[in-house]
Protein backbone atom coordinates (compact mmCIF):
# COMPACT_ATOMS: atom_id res chain seq x y z
CA MET A 1 102.92 98.41 98.83
CA SER A 2 101.06 98.86 95.56
CA PHE A 3 102.76 99.05 92.21
CA SER A 4 102.10 102.85 91.91
CA ASP A 5 103.70 103.51 95.32
CA LYS A 6 106.64 101.38 94.28
CA ILE A 7 107.19 103.45 91.28
CA VAL A 8 106.82 106.76 93.12
CA LYS A 9 109.34 105.69 95.71
CA LEU A 10 111.90 104.50 93.03
CA LEU A 11 111.52 107.12 90.43
CA VAL A 12 110.15 110.24 92.11
CA ASP A 13 111.29 110.22 95.77
CA ARG A 14 115.05 111.13 95.40
CA LYS A 15 115.82 110.78 99.04
CA THR A 16 114.41 107.31 99.05
CA LEU A 17 116.45 106.47 95.96
CA ILE A 18 119.65 107.89 97.48
CA TYR A 19 119.08 106.03 100.68
CA TYR A 20 118.44 102.85 98.68
CA LEU A 21 121.63 103.30 96.72
CA PHE A 22 123.94 104.18 99.52
CA PHE A 23 122.70 102.42 102.75
CA MET A 24 121.32 99.18 101.45
CA ASN A 25 122.94 95.91 102.30
CA PHE A 26 125.36 95.18 99.64
CA ASP A 27 126.34 91.71 100.83
CA ALA A 28 124.90 90.19 97.64
CA SER A 29 126.02 86.66 98.17
CA LEU A 30 124.06 86.32 101.33
CA ARG A 31 120.88 87.74 99.92
CA THR A 32 121.32 85.83 96.75
CA PHE A 33 121.38 82.34 98.51
CA ASP A 34 118.89 83.20 101.33
CA ARG A 35 116.12 84.70 99.09
CA LEU A 36 116.81 83.89 95.47
CA LEU A 37 117.60 80.18 95.70
CA THR A 38 115.18 79.31 98.52
CA LYS A 39 112.35 81.03 96.75
CA SER A 40 113.28 79.76 93.28
CA PHE A 41 114.06 76.09 94.08
CA GLY A 42 112.32 75.53 97.39
CA ALA A 43 113.76 73.79 100.54
CA GLY A 44 116.56 71.46 99.75
CA THR A 45 116.26 67.66 100.11
CA GLY A 46 119.85 66.75 99.41
CA GLU A 47 119.92 67.72 95.65
CA ARG A 48 123.19 67.90 93.96
CA VAL A 49 123.91 71.25 92.46
CA CYS A 50 126.70 72.81 90.26
CA VAL A 51 127.72 76.00 88.59
CA LEU A 52 128.46 76.22 84.69
CA ILE A 53 130.40 79.27 83.28
CA ASP A 54 131.22 79.87 79.72
CA LEU A 55 134.55 80.95 78.58
CA PRO A 56 136.29 81.87 75.29
CA ASN A 57 138.69 78.96 76.15
CA PRO A 58 137.04 76.70 78.72
CA GLU A 59 140.37 75.18 79.70
CA ASP A 60 141.11 78.41 81.33
CA ILE A 61 139.04 77.11 84.40
CA LYS A 62 142.27 75.06 85.15
CA ASP A 63 143.60 76.51 88.38
CA TYR A 64 140.90 79.23 87.93
CA ALA A 65 143.25 81.10 85.50
CA PHE A 66 140.19 82.99 84.03
CA LEU A 67 139.94 84.99 87.30
CA ASN A 68 143.12 86.79 85.99
CA ASP A 69 141.17 88.15 83.01
CA GLU A 70 139.38 91.30 83.89
CA THR A 71 137.13 91.06 80.84
CA LEU A 72 135.42 88.03 82.33
CA SER A 73 133.64 89.85 85.15
CA ILE A 74 130.36 87.73 84.54
CA GLN A 75 132.24 84.53 85.20
CA ASN A 76 134.00 86.04 88.22
CA TYR A 77 130.68 86.55 89.72
CA GLY A 78 129.81 82.98 89.00
CA TYR A 79 132.92 81.88 90.90
CA GLU A 80 132.79 84.53 93.71
CA VAL A 81 129.13 84.66 94.48
CA PHE A 82 127.83 81.18 93.59
CA TYR A 83 130.69 78.70 93.70
CA LYS A 84 132.51 80.27 96.66
CA GLY A 85 129.06 80.88 98.23
CA PHE A 86 128.31 77.10 98.10
CA GLN A 87 131.86 76.22 99.47
CA ASN A 88 131.43 78.78 102.36
CA GLY A 89 128.33 77.48 103.83
CA ALA A 90 125.47 77.79 101.45
CA LEU A 91 125.33 74.09 100.54
CA LYS A 92 124.62 73.22 104.17
CA GLU A 93 122.27 76.12 104.45
CA MET A 94 120.24 75.02 101.28
CA ASN A 95 120.48 71.28 102.21
CA TRP A 96 122.09 70.65 98.85
CA LYS A 97 125.33 68.74 97.92
CA GLY A 98 128.12 69.18 95.46
CA GLY A 99 128.54 72.86 94.58
CA GLU A 100 131.21 72.11 92.00
CA ILE A 101 132.06 74.56 89.07
CA PHE A 102 132.67 73.59 85.34
CA ALA A 103 133.36 75.65 82.19
CA TYR A 104 132.13 75.15 78.63
CA LYS A 105 133.09 77.06 75.36
CA GLU A 106 131.13 80.25 75.00
CA THR A 107 128.52 79.91 72.19
CA GLY A 108 129.05 83.34 70.60
CA GLY A 109 125.33 84.09 70.43
CA SER A 110 122.26 84.27 72.65
CA ASN A 111 120.64 80.99 73.05
CA LEU A 112 122.85 78.98 70.57
CA ASP A 113 123.32 75.36 71.45
CA MET A 114 126.27 74.59 73.66
CA GLU A 115 129.21 72.23 72.65
CA ASP A 116 129.25 69.20 74.74
CA GLU A 117 132.86 69.41 75.80
CA CYS A 118 133.42 70.96 79.40
CA PHE A 119 136.28 71.12 81.94
CA ASP A 120 136.71 71.08 85.58
CA PRO A 121 139.28 73.18 87.69
CA SER A 122 141.74 70.41 87.52
CA GLY A 123 141.77 70.70 83.81
CA LYS A 124 139.94 67.33 83.20
CA LYS A 125 137.80 67.11 80.04
CA LEU A 126 134.20 66.13 80.57
CA SER A 127 130.89 65.90 78.79
CA LEU A 128 127.94 68.07 79.56
CA ASP A 129 125.48 65.33 78.58
CA ALA A 130 127.42 62.34 80.37
CA ASP A 131 129.05 64.01 83.39
CA ILE A 132 126.88 67.12 84.16
CA TYR A 133 123.27 66.76 83.05
CA THR A 134 123.06 63.15 84.31
CA GLN A 135 124.87 63.80 87.65
CA TYR A 136 123.27 67.04 89.01
CA ASP A 137 119.76 67.89 89.98
CA ILE A 138 120.07 71.66 90.03
CA ILE A 139 122.41 73.52 87.47
CA LEU A 140 123.13 77.26 87.66
CA VAL A 141 124.60 78.72 84.36
CA VAL A 142 126.52 82.05 84.83
CA SER A 143 127.36 83.19 81.39
CA THR A 144 128.02 85.91 78.81
CA PHE A 145 125.50 84.45 76.35
CA SER A 146 122.03 83.21 77.42
CA ALA A 147 121.76 79.46 77.69
CA THR A 148 118.07 79.41 78.45
CA ALA A 149 116.95 77.66 75.13
CA PRO A 150 119.54 74.93 74.99
CA LEU A 151 119.42 74.33 78.86
CA THR A 152 115.37 74.16 78.75
CA ALA A 153 115.88 71.38 75.95
CA LYS A 154 118.27 69.56 78.01
CA CYS A 155 116.50 69.66 81.24
CA LYS A 156 113.44 67.91 79.47
CA GLU A 157 115.81 65.26 78.17
CA PHE A 158 117.75 64.69 81.43
CA GLY A 159 115.23 65.69 84.05
CA PHE A 160 117.14 68.28 85.95
CA ARG A 161 116.13 71.85 87.30
CA GLY A 162 118.14 75.03 86.69
CA ALA A 163 118.55 78.57 86.25
CA THR A 164 120.30 80.81 83.53
CA LEU A 165 121.91 83.99 84.81
CA HIS A 166 123.63 85.60 81.91
CA GLY A 167 125.16 89.00 81.82
CA LEU A 168 125.47 89.34 85.68
CA ASN A 169 126.69 92.60 87.11
CA GLN A 170 126.60 94.21 90.53
CA ILE A 171 123.29 96.03 89.89
CA ILE A 172 121.56 92.86 89.13
CA LEU A 173 123.00 91.13 92.01
CA ASP A 174 121.89 93.95 94.42
CA THR A 175 118.47 94.34 92.98
CA GLY A 176 116.93 91.78 90.36
CA LEU A 177 118.43 88.77 92.21
CA SER A 178 117.60 90.13 95.63
CA VAL A 179 113.77 90.21 95.38
CA ASP A 180 111.19 87.77 96.70
CA TYR A 181 110.34 85.67 93.67
CA GLN A 182 107.03 84.50 95.22
CA GLU A 183 106.05 88.10 95.07
CA VAL A 184 107.36 88.44 91.56
CA SER A 185 105.47 85.42 90.44
CA ASP A 186 102.23 86.78 91.99
CA GLU A 187 102.65 90.17 90.25
CA ALA A 188 103.56 88.47 86.97
CA GLU A 189 100.41 86.19 87.36
CA LYS A 190 98.06 89.40 87.73
CA LEU A 191 99.28 90.76 84.36
CA ARG A 192 99.15 87.41 82.68
CA LEU A 193 95.58 86.84 83.59
CA ALA A 194 94.83 90.32 82.23
CA LEU A 195 96.63 89.75 78.88
CA THR A 196 95.90 86.01 78.33
CA LYS A 197 93.89 85.17 75.26
CA ALA A 198 94.19 88.47 73.81
CA ASP A 199 93.42 88.71 70.04
CA TYR A 200 96.38 90.91 69.04
CA PHE A 201 98.60 93.66 70.07
CA GLU A 202 99.79 96.81 68.35
CA ILE A 203 102.98 98.79 69.08
CA ASP A 204 103.47 102.30 67.81
CA PHE A 205 107.05 103.54 67.32
CA GLU A 206 108.16 107.13 66.52
CA VAL A 207 111.48 107.80 64.75
CA GLU A 208 112.73 111.04 63.39
CA GLY A 209 109.14 112.41 63.42
CA SER A 210 107.44 109.55 61.77
CA THR A 211 105.27 106.81 63.26
CA TYR A 212 105.38 103.15 62.48
CA THR A 213 103.15 100.39 63.69
CA LEU A 214 103.75 96.69 64.46
CA ARG A 215 100.78 94.27 64.73
CA LEU A 216 101.41 91.01 66.58
CA ASN A 217 98.41 88.50 66.43
CA THR A 218 98.12 86.05 69.29
CA ASN A 219 94.69 84.77 68.47
CA GLY A 220 93.34 84.05 71.80
CA GLN A 221 96.64 82.31 72.89
CA GLU A 222 97.23 81.67 76.55
CA ALA A 223 99.85 84.03 77.90
CA GLN A 224 102.97 82.84 79.73
CA LYS A 225 105.06 84.27 82.49
CA SER A 226 108.77 84.19 83.41
CA HIS A 227 108.49 84.24 87.32
CA GLY A 228 111.64 82.80 88.67
CA LEU A 229 110.04 79.78 90.44
CA CYS A 230 111.46 76.28 89.63
CA PRO A 231 109.91 74.06 92.24
CA ALA A 232 110.73 70.31 92.70
CA GLY A 233 108.80 67.80 90.86
CA LYS A 234 109.07 69.17 87.26
CA PRO A 235 112.15 69.54 85.09
CA ASP A 236 112.34 73.29 84.29
CA VAL A 237 114.81 76.18 83.73
CA ALA A 238 114.27 79.77 85.33
CA ASN A 239 115.60 82.70 83.60
CA LEU A 240 116.81 85.06 86.22
CA PRO A 241 116.06 87.96 86.92
CA ALA A 242 112.67 86.98 85.95
CA GLY A 243 109.44 88.99 85.82
CA GLU A 244 107.58 89.20 82.49
CA VAL A 245 104.64 88.10 80.62
CA TYR A 246 105.09 86.77 77.13
CA PHE A 247 103.55 85.39 73.93
CA VAL A 248 104.71 83.44 70.92
CA PRO A 249 103.00 85.50 68.17
CA GLU A 250 101.24 83.42 65.53
CA SER A 251 101.64 86.11 62.87
CA VAL A 252 103.39 89.51 62.80
CA ASN A 253 102.99 92.43 60.12
CA GLY A 254 104.02 95.96 59.96
CA VAL A 255 107.27 98.02 60.60
CA PHE A 256 109.47 98.45 63.60
CA PRO A 257 112.71 100.35 64.36
CA PHE A 258 115.95 98.63 65.19
CA LYS A 259 118.97 100.17 66.83
CA TYR A 260 122.05 98.63 65.27
CA ALA A 261 124.61 100.73 67.10
CA GLU A 262 124.77 103.99 68.98
CA GLU A 263 124.59 105.90 65.70
CA THR A 264 122.69 103.58 63.32
CA ILE A 265 118.80 103.08 63.02
CA GLY A 266 117.04 100.92 60.46
CA LEU A 267 113.43 100.20 59.89
CA LEU A 268 112.51 96.51 59.95
CA HIS A 269 109.70 95.50 57.55
CA VAL A 270 107.77 92.43 58.64
CA LYS A 271 105.24 90.31 56.73
CA ASP A 272 103.71 86.99 57.75
CA GLY A 273 105.84 86.82 60.88
CA SER A 274 109.17 87.37 59.55
CA ILE A 275 111.44 90.48 58.85
CA PHE A 276 112.12 90.57 55.12
CA LYS A 277 114.16 93.85 54.89
CA SER A 278 115.80 96.67 56.67
CA GLN A 279 115.43 100.21 55.56
CA PHE A 280 118.13 102.83 56.36
CA VAL A 281 117.17 105.63 58.61
CA TYR A 282 120.47 107.08 59.64
CA GLY A 283 124.00 106.08 60.67
CA ASP A 284 126.29 103.43 59.15
CA TYR A 285 124.58 102.13 55.91
CA ALA A 286 127.02 99.04 55.91
CA GLU A 287 125.14 97.88 59.01
CA ILE A 288 121.79 97.87 57.03
CA GLU A 289 123.36 96.15 53.90
CA ALA A 290 124.82 93.41 56.17
CA HIS A 291 121.52 92.77 57.85
CA ASN A 292 119.82 92.43 54.51
CA ALA A 293 122.42 90.16 53.20
CA ARG A 294 122.02 87.91 56.26
CA LEU A 295 118.16 87.90 55.73
CA LYS A 296 118.56 86.87 52.22
CA GLU A 297 121.13 84.18 53.08
CA ASP A 298 118.94 82.68 55.90
CA PRO A 299 115.40 84.09 56.13
CA MET A 300 114.76 82.22 59.50
CA ILE A 301 116.98 85.00 61.03
CA GLY A 302 114.05 87.41 60.51
CA ALA A 303 111.42 85.18 62.35
CA ILE A 304 109.70 86.91 65.05
CA GLY A 305 109.50 84.51 67.99
CA GLU A 306 108.27 86.60 71.14
CA LEU A 307 106.47 89.59 72.43
CA GLY A 308 107.27 90.28 76.02
CA PHE A 309 106.21 92.88 78.64
CA GLY A 310 108.26 93.64 81.92
CA THR A 311 106.50 93.30 85.30
CA GLN A 312 109.00 94.46 87.94
CA VAL A 313 109.95 97.85 89.35
CA LEU A 314 113.74 97.74 89.21
CA PRO A 315 116.66 100.11 88.36
CA PHE A 316 118.09 99.87 84.89
CA SER A 317 121.17 97.62 84.86
CA GLY A 318 122.50 98.03 81.43
CA ARG A 319 121.93 94.45 80.73
CA ASP A 320 118.88 93.19 78.87
CA ILE A 321 118.37 90.33 81.12
CA GLN A 322 117.09 92.61 83.87
CA ASP A 323 116.09 95.65 81.83
CA GLU A 324 113.52 93.70 79.86
CA LYS A 325 111.82 92.85 83.09
CA ILE A 326 111.17 96.41 84.08
CA LEU A 327 107.57 97.51 84.04
CA GLY A 328 106.94 100.03 81.02
CA THR A 329 109.36 98.15 78.68
CA VAL A 330 108.47 95.89 75.82
CA HIS A 331 110.55 93.46 73.82
CA ILE A 332 110.39 91.74 70.61
CA ALA A 333 112.60 88.61 69.91
CA THR A 334 113.84 87.23 66.67
CA GLY A 335 114.96 83.62 66.03
CA ARG A 336 114.33 80.31 67.91
CA ASP A 337 111.52 79.99 70.18
CA ASP A 338 111.13 76.40 70.94
CA HIS A 339 112.06 76.95 74.56
CA LEU A 340 108.91 79.30 74.91
CA GLY A 341 106.62 76.68 73.30
CA GLY A 342 107.03 77.92 69.66
CA ASN A 343 107.86 76.02 66.49
CA ILE A 344 111.02 77.84 65.39
CA THR A 345 113.74 75.19 66.08
CA PRO A 346 117.50 75.33 65.37
CA ASP A 347 117.14 72.77 62.57
CA LEU A 348 115.21 75.26 60.53
CA PHE A 349 118.23 77.55 60.15
CA LYS A 350 120.79 77.19 57.44
CA GLU A 351 123.67 77.46 59.89
CA HIS A 352 124.06 76.65 63.55
CA LYS A 353 125.37 80.08 64.29
CA ASN A 354 122.12 81.67 62.98
CA ALA A 355 119.87 79.63 65.40
CA SER A 356 119.85 82.26 68.19
CA HIS A 357 117.09 83.95 70.11
CA ASP A 358 117.61 87.64 70.27
CA ASP A 359 115.66 90.13 72.28
CA VAL A 360 115.11 93.58 70.93
CA LEU A 361 114.41 95.69 73.99
CA TYR A 362 112.72 99.09 73.92
CA ALA A 363 113.47 101.03 77.01
CA PRO A 364 114.21 104.67 77.58
CA HIS A 365 117.66 104.15 78.67
CA LYS A 366 118.60 101.91 75.74
CA THR A 367 116.58 103.31 72.77
CA PRO A 368 116.12 107.09 73.52
CA GLU A 369 116.11 107.72 69.84
CA ILE A 370 113.05 105.63 69.42
CA ARG A 371 109.72 106.85 70.98
CA LEU A 372 107.04 104.65 72.21
CA PRO A 373 103.79 106.58 71.91
CA GLU A 374 101.48 103.71 72.66
CA VAL A 375 101.29 99.94 73.08
CA ARG A 376 97.69 98.47 72.85
CA MET A 377 95.92 95.23 73.58
CA PHE A 378 92.75 94.07 71.57
CA LYS A 379 90.66 91.44 73.43
CA ASN A 380 87.14 90.64 73.44
CA GLY A 381 86.17 93.51 71.20
CA LYS A 382 87.84 96.02 73.54
CA THR A 383 91.10 97.97 73.21
CA GLU A 384 93.15 98.49 76.21
CA ILE A 385 96.40 100.76 76.32
CA LEU A 386 99.14 99.06 78.13
CA ILE A 387 102.10 101.57 77.83
CA GLN A 388 102.50 105.19 76.77
CA LYS A 389 105.92 106.83 76.36
CA TYR A 390 107.54 103.88 78.35
CA LYS A 391 105.28 104.33 81.24
CA PRO A 392 102.67 101.69 82.32
CA SER A 393 99.06 102.85 81.61
CA GLU A 394 96.50 103.21 84.31
CA PHE A 395 94.90 99.99 83.13
CA MET A 396 98.31 98.07 83.65
CA LEU A 397 98.82 99.72 87.04
CA SER A 398 95.22 98.79 88.28
CA VAL A 399 95.87 95.16 87.15
CA LEU A 400 98.96 94.91 89.08
CA GLU A 401 97.53 96.53 92.24
CA ALA A 402 94.56 94.18 92.18
CA GLU A 403 94.25 91.08 94.44
CA LEU A 404 94.87 87.72 92.72
CA PRO A 405 91.79 85.61 92.25
CA ALA A 406 91.33 82.74 94.62
CA LEU A 407 93.13 79.49 93.99
CA VAL A 408 95.90 81.13 91.72
């Protein structure tokens, strides 16, 4: 099925959408293991696997006390879907071993480094470095805060493979984690090939009747993709759900709007790759003042570390981990980008708590106050429109509908 056909079926054909929502197989645990893990990691050969969850108090994993806290729904999915799934037959099906679950202290921010201390369900204190990263071949992290950056650094040091699945909810389990990731990889590769080695990108934003433009220079850089595949033979960490093409911009200039809260919008001014001030548009002025104070205190907070484009046709989940992978959305990230191949590392920040990687997603359900008139790519002296009003352009659709070149 072509991408345009998928979009029509999902967004236009209401009967198809209703059927999808009410009659699909909602046994997420079976689909997750059968499709997700097999496609992402390949056929098992006796690897040891475990599940990591983050908790405000990691000792609450003792006797699974955290299951009584209804605010920890994400961690509950880690236990019910993955840990119990392993114990109930998935280990044998995958030809893996282990399947244990451990908890570490939540970091409090996206992609902040994790404390080494962790605990098992008996209450025993362990070390991530000494007892987890050295003992397991595949590590699945189901958490509130993304662990992609720190886990990527650790996998290179210790040689394991893994996946980060932060922010899980039922929509993500039933959709973004239930697709064929070989197909996702193939589709992401099509867009990657079309965007790679671009000179620069421009994004037009409209807020309160005024238009602002952000220019992100990539200077012929090779595009990268998040595709969900983590085959044997190379230490790596997949970010799931996957499905995006991204760049680490070499320089950024211009202005782009930022939604602080439901009623607060500011304009972020960027020069030489970093946000240097926020300008009040409407809402709570204290939010703007606080941001400007943080930028003054630690300028690295404003560093632009990523430009990403979604490649999948999926329903919006309300969680950025899936929604930034949806075709027609674009995201910009601030902060560390070492896990993406960039040079913004945690040691450059004045405080550990500031060394996060934070995605700023532009999508119709999340930022309806911010219009997206046009996203453009400049490459080889040509201009290609990629997105208009949160919809993929004809160019992007034609790329995704094309056949992959041979040997890709």
